[in-house]
Amino acid sequence: MRETNRRIHVLQQSSPRVSVQKACFVLDAIRGKSVTEALGILAYNPRYASSVIEKLLKSAVANAENNNGMDASKLFVEECYANCAPTIKRFHPRAQGRAYHILKRCSHITVVLNEK
């Protein structure tokens, strides 16, 4: 069995109030990019999910530097994905005593950083 010196840093944010589909639009734009390029994309992206992912990415870079001793200038986004989290269920009152379901979807966002 061959051992490698490959160092990666994984950071996950649990249950931000953004749906998986909306988060994936932003995550697809930064996958495989360097960290500086990804932060530039996120800074000018008008979607709400980009602000959430930008915070997550900055935190992941800081943790990779301090905890794992990685060089921030060499880091890139190796993987990033969003999975479903528990859905918040609400009811909206309607006419004649009826109620409609409102599903407020959440997601678990994961970012994996690696050095080039």
PDB file of N, CA and C in Angstrom:
ATOM      1  N   MET A   1       0.837  -1.178   0.000  1.00  0.00           N
ATOM      2  CA  MET A   1       0.000   0.000   0.000  1.00  0.00           C
ATOM      3  C   MET A   1       0.885   1.244   0.000  1.00  0.00           C
ATOM      4  N   ARG A   2       0.619   2.146  -0.923  1.00  0.00           N
ATOM      5  CA  ARG A   2       1.440   3.329  -1.087  1.00  0.00           C
ATOM      6  C   ARG A   2       0.906   4.473  -0.237  1.00  0.00           C
ATOM      7  N   GLU A   3       1.786   5.123   0.506  1.00  0.00           N
ATOM      8  CA  GLU A   3       1.380   6.266   1.315  1.00  0.00           C
ATOM      9  C   GLU A   3       1.753   7.550   0.590  1.00  0.00           C
ATOM     10  N   THR A   4       0.920   8.560   0.741  1.00  0.00           N
ATOM     11  CA  THR A   4       1.201   9.855   0.125  1.00  0.00           C
ATOM     12  C   THR A   4       1.286  10.927   1.201  1.00  0.00           C
ATOM     13  N   ASN A   5       1.943  12.016   0.870  1.00  0.00           N
ATOM     14  CA  ASN A   5       2.060  13.144   1.794  1.00  0.00           C
ATOM     15  C   ASN A   5       0.979  14.178   1.530  1.00  0.00           C
ATOM     16  N   ARG A   6      -0.086  13.793   0.922  1.00  0.00           N
ATOM     17  CA  ARG A   6      -1.142  14.702   0.509  1.00  0.00           C
ATOM     18  C   ARG A   6      -1.861  15.264   1.721  1.00  0.00           C
ATOM     19  N   ARG A   7      -1.880  16.602   1.815  1.00  0.00           N
ATOM     20  CA  ARG A   7      -2.571  17.248   2.914  1.00  0.00           C
ATOM     21  C   ARG A   7      -3.788  17.961   2.355  1.00  0.00           C
ATOM     22  N   ILE A   8      -4.915  17.727   2.967  1.00  0.00           N
ATOM     23  CA  ILE A   8      -6.129  18.434   2.570  1.00  0.00           C
ATOM     24  C   ILE A   8      -6.773  19.016   3.814  1.00  0.00           C
ATOM     25  N   HIS A   9      -7.617  20.005   3.607  1.00  0.00           N
ATOM     26  CA  HIS A   9      -8.351  20.604   4.719  1.00  0.00           C
ATOM     27  C   HIS A   9      -9.831  20.636   4.352  1.00  0.00           C
ATOM     28  N   VAL A  10     -10.661  20.080   5.210  1.00  0.00           N
ATOM     29  CA  VAL A  10     -12.103  19.992   4.973  1.00  0.00           C
ATOM     30  C   VAL A  10     -12.828  20.846   6.008  1.00  0.00           C
ATOM     31  N   LEU A  11     -13.778  21.659   5.530  1.00  0.00           N
ATOM     32  CA  LEU A  11     -14.595  22.459   6.437  1.00  0.00           C
ATOM     33  C   LEU A  11     -16.048  22.344   5.999  1.00  0.00           C
ATOM     34  N   GLN A  12     -16.931  22.127   6.957  1.00  0.00           N
ATOM     35  CA  GLN A  12     -18.353  21.977   6.654  1.00  0.00           C
ATOM     36  C   GLN A  12     -19.164  22.949   7.499  1.00  0.00           C
ATOM     37  N   GLN A  13     -20.132  23.583   6.861  1.00  0.00           N
ATOM     38  CA  GLN A  13     -21.075  24.441   7.585  1.00  0.00           C
ATOM     39  C   GLN A  13     -22.425  23.746   7.610  1.00  0.00           C
ATOM     40  N   SER A  14     -22.975  23.601   8.789  1.00  0.00           N
ATOM     41  CA  SER A  14     -24.235  22.880   8.932  1.00  0.00           C
ATOM     42  C   SER A  14     -25.423  23.824   8.912  1.00  0.00           C
ATOM     43  N   SER A  15     -26.369  23.523   8.089  1.00  0.00           N
ATOM     44  CA  SER A  15     -27.693  24.133   8.043  1.00  0.00           C
ATOM     45  C   SER A  15     -27.755  25.639   7.820  1.00  0.00           C
ATOM     46  N   PRO A  16     -26.998  26.198   6.862  1.00  0.00           N
ATOM     47  CA  PRO A  16     -27.313  27.595   6.523  1.00  0.00           C
ATOM     48  C   PRO A  16     -28.653  27.633   5.793  1.00  0.00           C
ATOM     49  N   ARG A  17     -29.373  28.738   5.904  1.00  0.00           N
ATOM     50  CA  ARG A  17     -30.711  28.837   5.319  1.00  0.00           C
ATOM     51  C   ARG A  17     -30.635  29.157   3.834  1.00  0.00           C
ATOM     52  N   VAL A  18     -30.085  28.237   3.066  1.00  0.00           N
ATOM     53  CA  VAL A  18     -30.043  28.362   1.611  1.00  0.00           C
ATOM     54  C   VAL A  18     -30.278  26.962   1.051  1.00  0.00           C
ATOM     55  N   SER A  19     -31.078  26.861   0.010  1.00  0.00           N
ATOM     56  CA  SER A  19     -31.399  25.545  -0.539  1.00  0.00           C
ATOM     57  C   SER A  19     -30.195  24.974  -1.283  1.00  0.00           C
ATOM     58  N   VAL A  20     -30.185  23.669  -1.444  1.00  0.00           N
ATOM     59  CA  VAL A  20     -29.079  22.982  -2.108  1.00  0.00           C
ATOM     60  C   VAL A  20     -28.942  23.449  -3.555  1.00  0.00           C
ATOM     61  N   GLN A  21     -30.054  23.584  -4.229  1.00  0.00           N
ATOM     62  CA  GLN A  21     -30.025  23.983  -5.638  1.00  0.00           C
ATOM     63  C   GLN A  21     -29.415  25.376  -5.810  1.00  0.00           C
ATOM     64  N   LYS A  22     -29.772  26.305  -4.931  1.00  0.00           N
ATOM     65  CA  LYS A  22     -29.244  27.666  -5.025  1.00  0.00           C
ATOM     66  C   LYS A  22     -27.767  27.719  -4.638  1.00  0.00           C
ATOM     67  N   ALA A  23     -27.373  26.896  -3.675  1.00  0.00           N
ATOM     68  CA  ALA A  23     -25.966  26.852  -3.276  1.00  0.00           C
ATOM     69  C   ALA A  23     -25.102  26.235  -4.377  1.00  0.00           C
ATOM     70  N   CYS A  24     -25.629  25.251  -5.075  1.00  0.00           N
ATOM     71  CA  CYS A  24     -24.852  24.565  -6.115  1.00  0.00           C
ATOM     72  C   CYS A  24     -24.533  25.480  -7.293  1.00  0.00           C
ATOM     73  N   PHE A  25     -25.381  26.459  -7.596  1.00  0.00           N
ATOM     74  CA  PHE A  25     -25.069  27.406  -8.659  1.00  0.00           C
ATOM     75  C   PHE A  25     -23.766  28.139  -8.349  1.00  0.00           C
ATOM     76  N   VAL A  26     -23.590  28.530  -7.103  1.00  0.00           N
ATOM     77  CA  VAL A  26     -22.393  29.255  -6.690  1.00  0.00           C
ATOM     78  C   VAL A  26     -21.204  28.308  -6.559  1.00  0.00           C
ATOM     79  N   LEU A  27     -21.425  27.130  -6.002  1.00  0.00           N
ATOM     80  CA  LEU A  27     -20.338  26.171  -5.809  1.00  0.00           C
ATOM     81  C   LEU A  27     -19.741  25.699  -7.139  1.00  0.00           C
ATOM     82  N   ASP A  28     -20.588  25.570  -8.161  1.00  0.00           N
ATOM     83  CA  ASP A  28     -20.084  25.165  -9.474  1.00  0.00           C
ATOM     84  C   ASP A  28     -19.134  26.199 -10.060  1.00  0.00           C
ATOM     85  N   ALA A  29     -19.328  27.469  -9.696  1.00  0.00           N
ATOM     86  CA  ALA A  29     -18.494  28.540 -10.240  1.00  0.00           C
ATOM     87  C   ALA A  29     -17.094  28.552  -9.631  1.00  0.00           C
ATOM     88  N   ILE A  30     -16.925  28.037  -8.391  1.00  0.00           N
ATOM     89  CA  ILE A  30     -15.616  28.120  -7.737  1.00  0.00           C
ATOM     90  C   ILE A  30     -14.874  26.793  -7.689  1.00  0.00           C
ATOM     91  N   ARG A  31     -15.496  25.710  -8.081  1.00  0.00           N
ATOM     92  CA  ARG A  31     -14.864  24.394  -8.007  1.00  0.00           C
ATOM     93  C   ARG A  31     -13.625  24.339  -8.904  1.00  0.00           C
ATOM     94  N   GLY A  32     -12.489  23.942  -8.321  1.00  0.00           N
ATOM     95  CA  GLY A  32     -11.246  23.799  -9.071  1.00  0.00           C
ATOM     96  C   GLY A  32     -10.431  25.080  -9.200  1.00  0.00           C
ATOM     97  N   LYS A  33     -10.912  26.188  -8.684  1.00  0.00           N
ATOM     98  CA  LYS A  33     -10.225  27.475  -8.799  1.00  0.00           C
ATOM     99  C   LYS A  33      -9.282  27.677  -7.602  1.00  0.00           C
ATOM    100  N   SER A  34      -8.306  28.570  -7.776  1.00  0.00           N
ATOM    101  CA  SER A  34      -7.461  28.933  -6.646  1.00  0.00           C
ATOM    102  C   SER A  34      -8.303  29.731  -5.648  1.00  0.00           C
ATOM    103  N   VAL A  35      -7.816  29.823  -4.428  1.00  0.00           N
ATOM    104  CA  VAL A  35      -8.594  30.478  -3.381  1.00  0.00           C
ATOM    105  C   VAL A  35      -8.783  31.958  -3.688  1.00  0.00           C
ATOM    106  N   THR A  36      -7.744  32.631  -4.176  1.00  0.00           N
ATOM    107  CA  THR A  36      -7.874  34.060  -4.474  1.00  0.00           C
ATOM    108  C   THR A  36      -8.859  34.299  -5.605  1.00  0.00           C
ATOM    109  N   GLU A  37      -8.825  33.433  -6.613  1.00  0.00           N
ATOM    110  CA  GLU A  37      -9.774  33.555  -7.727  1.00  0.00           C
ATOM    111  C   GLU A  37     -11.199  33.259  -7.258  1.00  0.00           C
ATOM    112  N   ALA A  38     -11.357  32.256  -6.401  1.00  0.00           N
ATOM    113  CA  ALA A  38     -12.684  31.895  -5.886  1.00  0.00           C
ATOM    114  C   ALA A  38     -13.261  33.023  -5.031  1.00  0.00           C
ATOM    115  N   LEU A  39     -12.423  33.665  -4.216  1.00  0.00           N
ATOM    116  CA  LEU A  39     -12.911  34.780  -3.400  1.00  0.00           C
ATOM    117  C   LEU A  39     -13.315  35.963  -4.269  1.00  0.00           C
ATOM    118  N   GLY A  40     -12.607  36.175  -5.374  1.00  0.00           N
ATOM    119  CA  GLY A  40     -12.983  37.234  -6.311  1.00  0.00           C
ATOM    120  C   GLY A  40     -14.321  36.957  -6.968  1.00  0.00           C
ATOM    121  N   ILE A  41     -14.561  35.707  -7.342  1.00  0.00           N
ATOM    122  CA  ILE A  41     -15.840  35.320  -7.945  1.00  0.00           C
ATOM    123  C   ILE A  41     -16.972  35.517  -6.941  1.00  0.00           C
ATOM    124  N   LEU A  42     -16.745  35.094  -5.703  1.00  0.00           N
ATOM    125  CA  LEU A  42     -17.781  35.195  -4.674  1.00  0.00           C
ATOM    126  C   LEU A  42     -18.085  36.644  -4.294  1.00  0.00           C
ATOM    127  N   ALA A  43     -17.081  37.506  -4.353  1.00  0.00           N
ATOM    128  CA  ALA A  43     -17.282  38.906  -3.969  1.00  0.00           C
ATOM    129  C   ALA A  43     -18.234  39.623  -4.924  1.00  0.00           C
ATOM    130  N   TYR A  44     -18.220  39.240  -6.203  1.00  0.00           N
ATOM    131  CA  TYR A  44     -19.038  39.936  -7.197  1.00  0.00           C
ATOM    132  C   TYR A  44     -20.240  39.120  -7.667  1.00  0.00           C
ATOM    133  N   ASN A  45     -20.528  38.021  -6.998  1.00  0.00           N
ATOM    134  CA  ASN A  45     -21.690  37.213  -7.340  1.00  0.00           C
ATOM    135  C   ASN A  45     -22.901  37.773  -6.583  1.00  0.00           C
ATOM    136  N   PRO A  46     -24.010  38.083  -7.269  1.00  0.00           N
ATOM    137  CA  PRO A  46     -25.144  38.719  -6.605  1.00  0.00           C
ATOM    138  C   PRO A  46     -26.014  37.777  -5.765  1.00  0.00           C
ATOM    139  N   ARG A  47     -25.785  36.487  -5.811  1.00  0.00           N
ATOM    140  CA  ARG A  47     -26.642  35.539  -5.086  1.00  0.00           C
ATOM    141  C   ARG A  47     -26.364  35.576  -3.585  1.00  0.00           C
ATOM    142  N   TYR A  48     -27.418  35.292  -2.798  1.00  0.00           N
ATOM    143  CA  TYR A  48     -27.278  35.265  -1.339  1.00  0.00           C
ATOM    144  C   TYR A  48     -26.314  34.169  -0.904  1.00  0.00           C
ATOM    145  N   ALA A  49     -26.341  33.039  -1.576  1.00  0.00           N
ATOM    146  CA  ALA A  49     -25.494  31.905  -1.191  1.00  0.00           C
ATOM    147  C   ALA A  49     -24.016  32.254  -1.288  1.00  0.00           C
ATOM    148  N   SER A  50     -23.656  33.199  -2.150  1.00  0.00           N
ATOM    149  CA  SER A  50     -22.244  33.542  -2.303  1.00  0.00           C
ATOM    150  C   SER A  50     -21.679  34.174  -1.037  1.00  0.00           C
ATOM    151  N   SER A  51     -22.480  34.951  -0.314  1.00  0.00           N
ATOM    152  CA  SER A  51     -21.988  35.544   0.936  1.00  0.00           C
ATOM    153  C   SER A  51     -21.761  34.472   1.998  1.00  0.00           C
ATOM    154  N   VAL A  52     -22.634  33.479   2.042  1.00  0.00           N
ATOM    155  CA  VAL A  52     -22.493  32.379   2.997  1.00  0.00           C
ATOM    156  C   VAL A  52     -21.249  31.557   2.663  1.00  0.00           C
ATOM    157  N   ILE A  53     -21.051  31.261   1.385  1.00  0.00           N
ATOM    158  CA  ILE A  53     -19.916  30.439   0.963  1.00  0.00           C
ATOM    159  C   ILE A  53     -18.608  31.220   1.094  1.00  0.00           C
ATOM    160  N   GLU A  54     -18.663  32.537   0.891  1.00  0.00           N
ATOM    161  CA  GLU A  54     -17.464  33.360   1.049  1.00  0.00           C
ATOM    162  C   GLU A  54     -16.964  33.309   2.494  1.00  0.00           C
ATOM    163  N   LYS A  55     -17.875  33.415   3.460  1.00  0.00           N
ATOM    164  CA  LYS A  55     -17.502  33.300   4.873  1.00  0.00           C
ATOM    165  C   LYS A  55     -16.878  31.938   5.166  1.00  0.00           C
ATOM    166  N   LEU A  56     -17.491  30.899   4.613  1.00  0.00           N
ATOM    167  CA  LEU A  56     -17.020  29.535   4.827  1.00  0.00           C
ATOM    168  C   LEU A  56     -15.622  29.355   4.245  1.00  0.00           C
ATOM    169  N   LEU A  57     -15.389  29.880   3.047  1.00  0.00           N
ATOM    170  CA  LEU A  57     -14.097  29.736   2.380  1.00  0.00           C
ATOM    171  C   LEU A  57     -13.001  30.497   3.131  1.00  0.00           C
ATOM    172  N   LYS A  58     -13.310  31.706   3.594  1.00  0.00           N
ATOM    173  CA  LYS A  58     -12.327  32.478   4.368  1.00  0.00           C
ATOM    174  C   LYS A  58     -11.961  31.752   5.656  1.00  0.00           C
ATOM    175  N   SER A  59     -12.947  31.163   6.305  1.00  0.00           N
ATOM    176  CA  SER A  59     -12.703  30.399   7.522  1.00  0.00           C
ATOM    177  C   SER A  59     -11.860  29.163   7.243  1.00  0.00           C
ATOM    178  N   ALA A  60     -12.131  28.494   6.130  1.00  0.00           N
ATOM    179  CA  ALA A  60     -11.378  27.290   5.767  1.00  0.00           C
ATOM    180  C   ALA A  60      -9.920  27.634   5.483  1.00  0.00           C
ATOM    181  N   VAL A  61      -9.668  28.760   4.816  1.00  0.00           N
ATOM    182  CA  VAL A  61      -8.303  29.183   4.519  1.00  0.00           C
ATOM    183  C   VAL A  61      -7.556  29.502   5.815  1.00  0.00           C
ATOM    184  N   ALA A  62      -8.206  30.228   6.722  1.00  0.00           N
ATOM    185  CA  ALA A  62      -7.576  30.567   7.993  1.00  0.00           C
ATOM    186  C   ALA A  62      -7.265  29.320   8.815  1.00  0.00           C
ATOM    187  N   ASN A  63      -8.197  28.361   8.825  1.00  0.00           N
ATOM    188  CA  ASN A  63      -7.970  27.116   9.564  1.00  0.00           C
ATOM    189  C   ASN A  63      -6.849  26.294   8.935  1.00  0.00           C
ATOM    190  N   ALA A  64      -6.785  26.272   7.613  1.00  0.00           N
ATOM    191  CA  ALA A  64      -5.731  25.510   6.924  1.00  0.00           C
ATOM    192  C   ALA A  64      -4.361  26.096   7.233  1.00  0.00           C
ATOM    193  N   GLU A  65      -4.277  27.422   7.311  1.00  0.00           N
ATOM    194  CA  GLU A  65      -3.004  28.078   7.640  1.00  0.00           C
ATOM    195  C   GLU A  65      -2.603  27.806   9.082  1.00  0.00           C
ATOM    196  N   ASN A  66      -3.523  28.032  10.014  1.00  0.00           N
ATOM    197  CA  ASN A  66      -3.189  27.950  11.438  1.00  0.00           C
ATOM    198  C   ASN A  66      -3.097  26.520  11.954  1.00  0.00           C
ATOM    199  N   ASN A  67      -4.023  25.670  11.566  1.00  0.00           N
ATOM    200  CA  ASN A  67      -4.077  24.317  12.129  1.00  0.00           C
ATOM    201  C   ASN A  67      -3.219  23.316  11.364  1.00  0.00           C
ATOM    202  N   ASN A  68      -3.168  23.450  10.032  1.00  0.00           N
ATOM    203  CA  ASN A  68      -2.457  22.456   9.227  1.00  0.00           C
ATOM    204  C   ASN A  68      -1.138  22.960   8.676  1.00  0.00           C
ATOM    205  N   GLY A  69      -0.825  24.234   8.883  1.00  0.00           N
ATOM    206  CA  GLY A  69       0.438  24.777   8.392  1.00  0.00           C
ATOM    207  C   GLY A  69       0.532  24.845   6.877  1.00  0.00           C
ATOM    208  N   MET A  70      -0.585  25.014   6.195  1.00  0.00           N
ATOM    209  CA  MET A  70      -0.589  25.089   4.736  1.00  0.00           C
ATOM    210  C   MET A  70      -0.341  26.529   4.293  1.00  0.00           C
ATOM    211  N   ASP A  71       0.172  26.687   3.070  1.00  0.00           N
ATOM    212  CA  ASP A  71       0.448  28.007   2.510  1.00  0.00           C
ATOM    213  C   ASP A  71      -0.789  28.511   1.780  1.00  0.00           C
ATOM    214  N   ALA A  72      -1.299  29.683   2.177  1.00  0.00           N
ATOM    215  CA  ALA A  72      -2.554  30.203   1.623  1.00  0.00           C
ATOM    216  C   ALA A  72      -2.435  30.526   0.136  1.00  0.00           C
ATOM    217  N   SER A  73      -1.248  30.901  -0.320  1.00  0.00           N
ATOM    218  CA  SER A  73      -1.093  31.263  -1.729  1.00  0.00           C
ATOM    219  C   SER A  73      -1.135  30.049  -2.651  1.00  0.00           C
ATOM    220  N   LYS A  74      -0.914  28.847  -2.100  1.00  0.00           N
ATOM    221  CA  LYS A  74      -0.920  27.620  -2.911  1.00  0.00           C
ATOM    222  C   LYS A  74      -2.241  26.858  -2.845  1.00  0.00           C
ATOM    223  N   LEU A  75      -3.174  27.326  -2.009  1.00  0.00           N
ATOM    224  CA  LEU A  75      -4.427  26.588  -1.820  1.00  0.00           C
ATOM    225  C   LEU A  75      -5.376  26.753  -3.004  1.00  0.00           C
ATOM    226  N   PHE A  76      -6.124  25.696  -3.290  1.00  0.00           N
ATOM    227  CA  PHE A  76      -7.196  25.751  -4.279  1.00  0.00           C
ATOM    228  C   PHE A  76      -8.368  24.917  -3.791  1.00  0.00           C
ATOM    229  N   VAL A  77      -9.539  25.169  -4.369  1.00  0.00           N
ATOM    230  CA  VAL A  77     -10.764  24.466  -3.980  1.00  0.00           C
ATOM    231  C   VAL A  77     -10.802  23.140  -4.732  1.00  0.00           C
ATOM    232  N   GLU A  78     -10.476  22.071  -4.029  1.00  0.00           N
ATOM    233  CA  GLU A  78     -10.445  20.752  -4.673  1.00  0.00           C
ATOM    234  C   GLU A  78     -11.860  20.209  -4.874  1.00  0.00           C
ATOM    235  N   GLU A  79     -12.669  20.285  -3.833  1.00  0.00           N
ATOM    236  CA  GLU A  79     -14.062  19.830  -3.902  1.00  0.00           C
ATOM    237  C   GLU A  79     -14.932  20.837  -3.168  1.00  0.00           C
ATOM    238  N   CYS A  80     -16.164  20.958  -3.605  1.00  0.00           N
ATOM    239  CA  CYS A  80     -17.159  21.716  -2.858  1.00  0.00           C
ATOM    240  C   CYS A  80     -18.529  21.202  -3.277  1.00  0.00           C
ATOM    241  N   TYR A  81     -19.352  20.943  -2.296  1.00  0.00           N
ATOM    242  CA  TYR A  81     -20.678  20.405  -2.589  1.00  0.00           C
ATOM    243  C   TYR A  81     -21.648  20.763  -1.471  1.00  0.00           C
ATOM    244  N   ALA A  82     -22.926  20.634  -1.771  1.00  0.00           N
ATOM    245  CA  ALA A  82     -23.987  20.910  -0.798  1.00  0.00           C
ATOM    246  C   ALA A  82     -24.904  19.697  -0.705  1.00  0.00           C
ATOM    247  N   ASN A  83     -25.250  19.341   0.502  1.00  0.00           N
ATOM    248  CA  ASN A  83     -26.177  18.240   0.763  1.00  0.00           C
ATOM    249  C   ASN A  83     -27.391  18.778   1.510  1.00  0.00           C
ATOM    250  N   CYS A  84     -28.482  18.013   1.450  1.00  0.00           N
ATOM    251  CA  CYS A  84     -29.712  18.431   2.124  1.00  0.00           C
ATOM    252  C   CYS A  84     -29.561  18.376   3.636  1.00  0.00           C
ATOM    253  N   ALA A  85     -30.123  19.364   4.299  1.00  0.00           N
ATOM    254  CA  ALA A  85     -30.192  19.419   5.755  1.00  0.00           C
ATOM    255  C   ALA A  85     -31.668  19.312   6.144  1.00  0.00           C
ATOM    256  N   PRO A  86     -31.961  19.221   7.423  1.00  0.00           N
ATOM    257  CA  PRO A  86     -33.371  19.170   7.829  1.00  0.00           C
ATOM    258  C   PRO A  86     -34.139  20.400   7.345  1.00  0.00           C
ATOM    259  N   THR A  87     -35.353  20.166   6.853  1.00  0.00           N
ATOM    260  CA  THR A  87     -36.198  21.229   6.321  1.00  0.00           C
ATOM    261  C   THR A  87     -37.053  21.807   7.431  1.00  0.00           C
ATOM    262  N   ILE A  88     -37.127  23.130   7.478  1.00  0.00           N
ATOM    263  CA  ILE A  88     -37.991  23.807   8.448  1.00  0.00           C
ATOM    264  C   ILE A  88     -39.383  23.895   7.832  1.00  0.00           C
ATOM    265  N   LYS A  89     -40.400  23.433   8.568  1.00  0.00           N
ATOM    266  CA  LYS A  89     -41.762  23.397   8.031  1.00  0.00           C
ATOM    267  C   LYS A  89     -42.605  24.474   8.697  1.00  0.00           C
ATOM    268  N   ARG A  90     -43.285  25.241   7.869  1.00  0.00           N
ATOM    269  CA  ARG A  90     -44.165  26.300   8.355  1.00  0.00           C
ATOM    270  C   ARG A  90     -45.513  26.178   7.649  1.00  0.00           C
ATOM    271  N   PHE A  91     -46.539  26.804   8.210  1.00  0.00           N
ATOM    272  CA  PHE A  91     -47.868  26.787   7.605  1.00  0.00           C
ATOM    273  C   PHE A  91     -48.323  28.208   7.323  1.00  0.00           C
ATOM    274  N   HIS A  92     -48.975  28.382   6.194  1.00  0.00           N
ATOM    275  CA  HIS A  92     -49.511  29.681   5.788  1.00  0.00           C
ATOM    276  C   HIS A  92     -51.031  29.570   5.767  1.00  0.00           C
ATOM    277  N   PRO A  93     -51.731  30.377   6.556  1.00  0.00           N
ATOM    278  CA  PRO A  93     -53.199  30.265   6.576  1.00  0.00           C
ATOM    279  C   PRO A  93     -53.813  30.708   5.246  1.00  0.00           C
ATOM    280  N   ARG A  94     -54.820  29.968   4.827  1.00  0.00           N
ATOM    281  CA  ARG A  94     -55.510  30.279   3.573  1.00  0.00           C
ATOM    282  C   ARG A  94     -57.008  30.412   3.853  1.00  0.00           C
ATOM    283  N   ALA A  95     -57.761  30.639   2.808  1.00  0.00           N
ATOM    284  CA  ALA A  95     -59.204  30.865   2.951  1.00  0.00           C
ATOM    285  C   ALA A  95     -59.925  29.598   3.411  1.00  0.00           C
ATOM    286  N   GLN A  96     -61.029  29.785   4.089  1.00  0.00           N
ATOM    287  CA  GLN A  96     -61.939  28.723   4.518  1.00  0.00           C
ATOM    288  C   GLN A  96     -61.255  27.707   5.433  1.00  0.00           C
ATOM    289  N   GLY A  97     -60.357  28.176   6.278  1.00  0.00           N
ATOM    290  CA  GLY A  97     -59.748  27.304   7.283  1.00  0.00           C
ATOM    291  C   GLY A  97     -58.654  26.396   6.772  1.00  0.00           C
ATOM    292  N   ARG A  98     -58.259  26.561   5.552  1.00  0.00           N
ATOM    293  CA  ARG A  98     -57.200  25.707   5.007  1.00  0.00           C
ATOM    294  C   ARG A  98     -55.824  26.259   5.383  1.00  0.00           C
ATOM    295  N   ALA A  99     -54.801  25.453   5.176  1.00  0.00           N
ATOM    296  CA  ALA A  99     -53.426  25.884   5.427  1.00  0.00           C
ATOM    297  C   ALA A  99     -52.518  25.275   4.363  1.00  0.00           C
ATOM    298  N   TYR A 100     -51.593  26.058   3.870  1.00  0.00           N
ATOM    299  CA  TYR A 100     -50.607  25.583   2.897  1.00  0.00           C
ATOM    300  C   TYR A 100     -49.273  25.376   3.602  1.00  0.00           C
ATOM    301  N   HIS A 101     -48.558  24.354   3.171  1.00  0.00           N
ATOM    302  CA  HIS A 101     -47.230  24.078   3.713  1.00  0.00           C
ATOM    303  C   HIS A 101     -46.212  25.021   3.093  1.00  0.00           C
ATOM    304  N   ILE A 102     -45.303  25.514   3.903  1.00  0.00           N
ATOM    305  CA  ILE A 102     -44.147  26.242   3.411  1.00  0.00           C
ATOM    306  C   ILE A 102     -42.925  25.458   3.885  1.00  0.00           C
ATOM    307  N   LEU A 103     -42.093  25.026   2.944  1.00  0.00           N
ATOM    308  CA  LEU A 103     -40.887  24.273   3.259  1.00  0.00           C
ATOM    309  C   LEU A 103     -39.680  25.183   3.107  1.00  0.00           C
ATOM    310  N   LYS A 104     -39.030  25.483   4.218  1.00  0.00           N
ATOM    311  CA  LYS A 104     -37.830  26.322   4.186  1.00  0.00           C
ATOM    312  C   LYS A 104     -36.631  25.385   4.182  1.00  0.00           C
ATOM    313  N   ARG A 105     -36.034  25.249   3.024  1.00  0.00           N
ATOM    314  CA  ARG A 105     -34.973  24.258   2.842  1.00  0.00           C
ATOM    315  C   ARG A 105     -33.624  24.791   3.316  1.00  0.00           C
ATOM    316  N   CYS A 106     -32.843  23.890   3.891  1.00  0.00           N
ATOM    317  CA  CYS A 106     -31.507  24.209   4.375  1.00  0.00           C
ATOM    318  C   CYS A 106     -30.513  23.250   3.720  1.00  0.00           C
ATOM    319  N   SER A 107     -29.239  23.494   3.898  1.00  0.00           N
ATOM    320  CA  SER A 107     -28.228  22.641   3.285  1.00  0.00           C
ATOM    321  C   SER A 107     -27.002  22.540   4.178  1.00  0.00           C
ATOM    322  N   HIS A 108     -26.204  21.501   3.957  1.00  0.00           N
ATOM    323  CA  HIS A 108     -24.887  21.359   4.556  1.00  0.00           C
ATOM    324  C   HIS A 108     -23.884  21.638   3.440  1.00  0.00           C
ATOM    325  N   ILE A 109     -23.057  22.666   3.595  1.00  0.00           N
ATOM    326  CA  ILE A 109     -22.093  23.032   2.565  1.00  0.00           C
ATOM    327  C   ILE A 109     -20.707  22.578   3.018  1.00  0.00           C
ATOM    328  N   THR A 110     -20.002  21.859   2.136  1.00  0.00           N
ATOM    329  CA  THR A 110     -18.672  21.343   2.429  1.00  0.00           C
ATOM    330  C   THR A 110     -17.681  21.882   1.414  1.00  0.00           C
ATOM    331  N   VAL A 111     -16.520  22.355   1.911  1.00  0.00           N
ATOM    332  CA  VAL A 111     -15.444  22.844   1.052  1.00  0.00           C
ATOM    333  C   VAL A 111     -14.181  22.071   1.414  1.00  0.00           C
ATOM    334  N   VAL A 112     -13.498  21.527   0.406  1.00  0.00           N
ATOM    335  CA  VAL A 112     -12.241  20.801   0.594  1.00  0.00           C
ATOM    336  C   VAL A 112     -11.139  21.584  -0.088  1.00  0.00           C
ATOM    337  N   LEU A 113     -10.124  21.982   0.680  1.00  0.00           N
ATOM    338  CA  LEU A 113      -8.986  22.722   0.146  1.00  0.00           C
ATOM    339  C   LEU A 113      -7.765  21.818   0.067  1.00  0.00           C
ATOM    340  N   ASN A 114      -6.925  22.080  -0.923  1.00  0.00           N
ATOM    341  CA  ASN A 114      -5.688  21.315  -1.097  1.00  0.00           C
ATOM    342  C   ASN A 114      -4.619  22.257  -1.608  1.00  0.00           C
ATOM    343  N   GLU A 115      -3.356  21.881  -1.454  1.00  0.00           N
ATOM    344  CA  GLU A 115      -2.252  22.668  -1.972  1.00  0.00           C
ATOM    345  C   GLU A 115      -1.861  22.173  -3.348  1.00  0.00           C
ATOM    346  N   LYS A 116      -1.444  23.128  -4.201  1.00  0.00           N
ATOM    347  CA  LYS A 116      -0.948  22.728  -5.527  1.00  0.00           C
ATOM    348  C   LYS A 116       0.489  22.302  -5.428  1.00  0.00           C
TER     349      LYS A 116
END
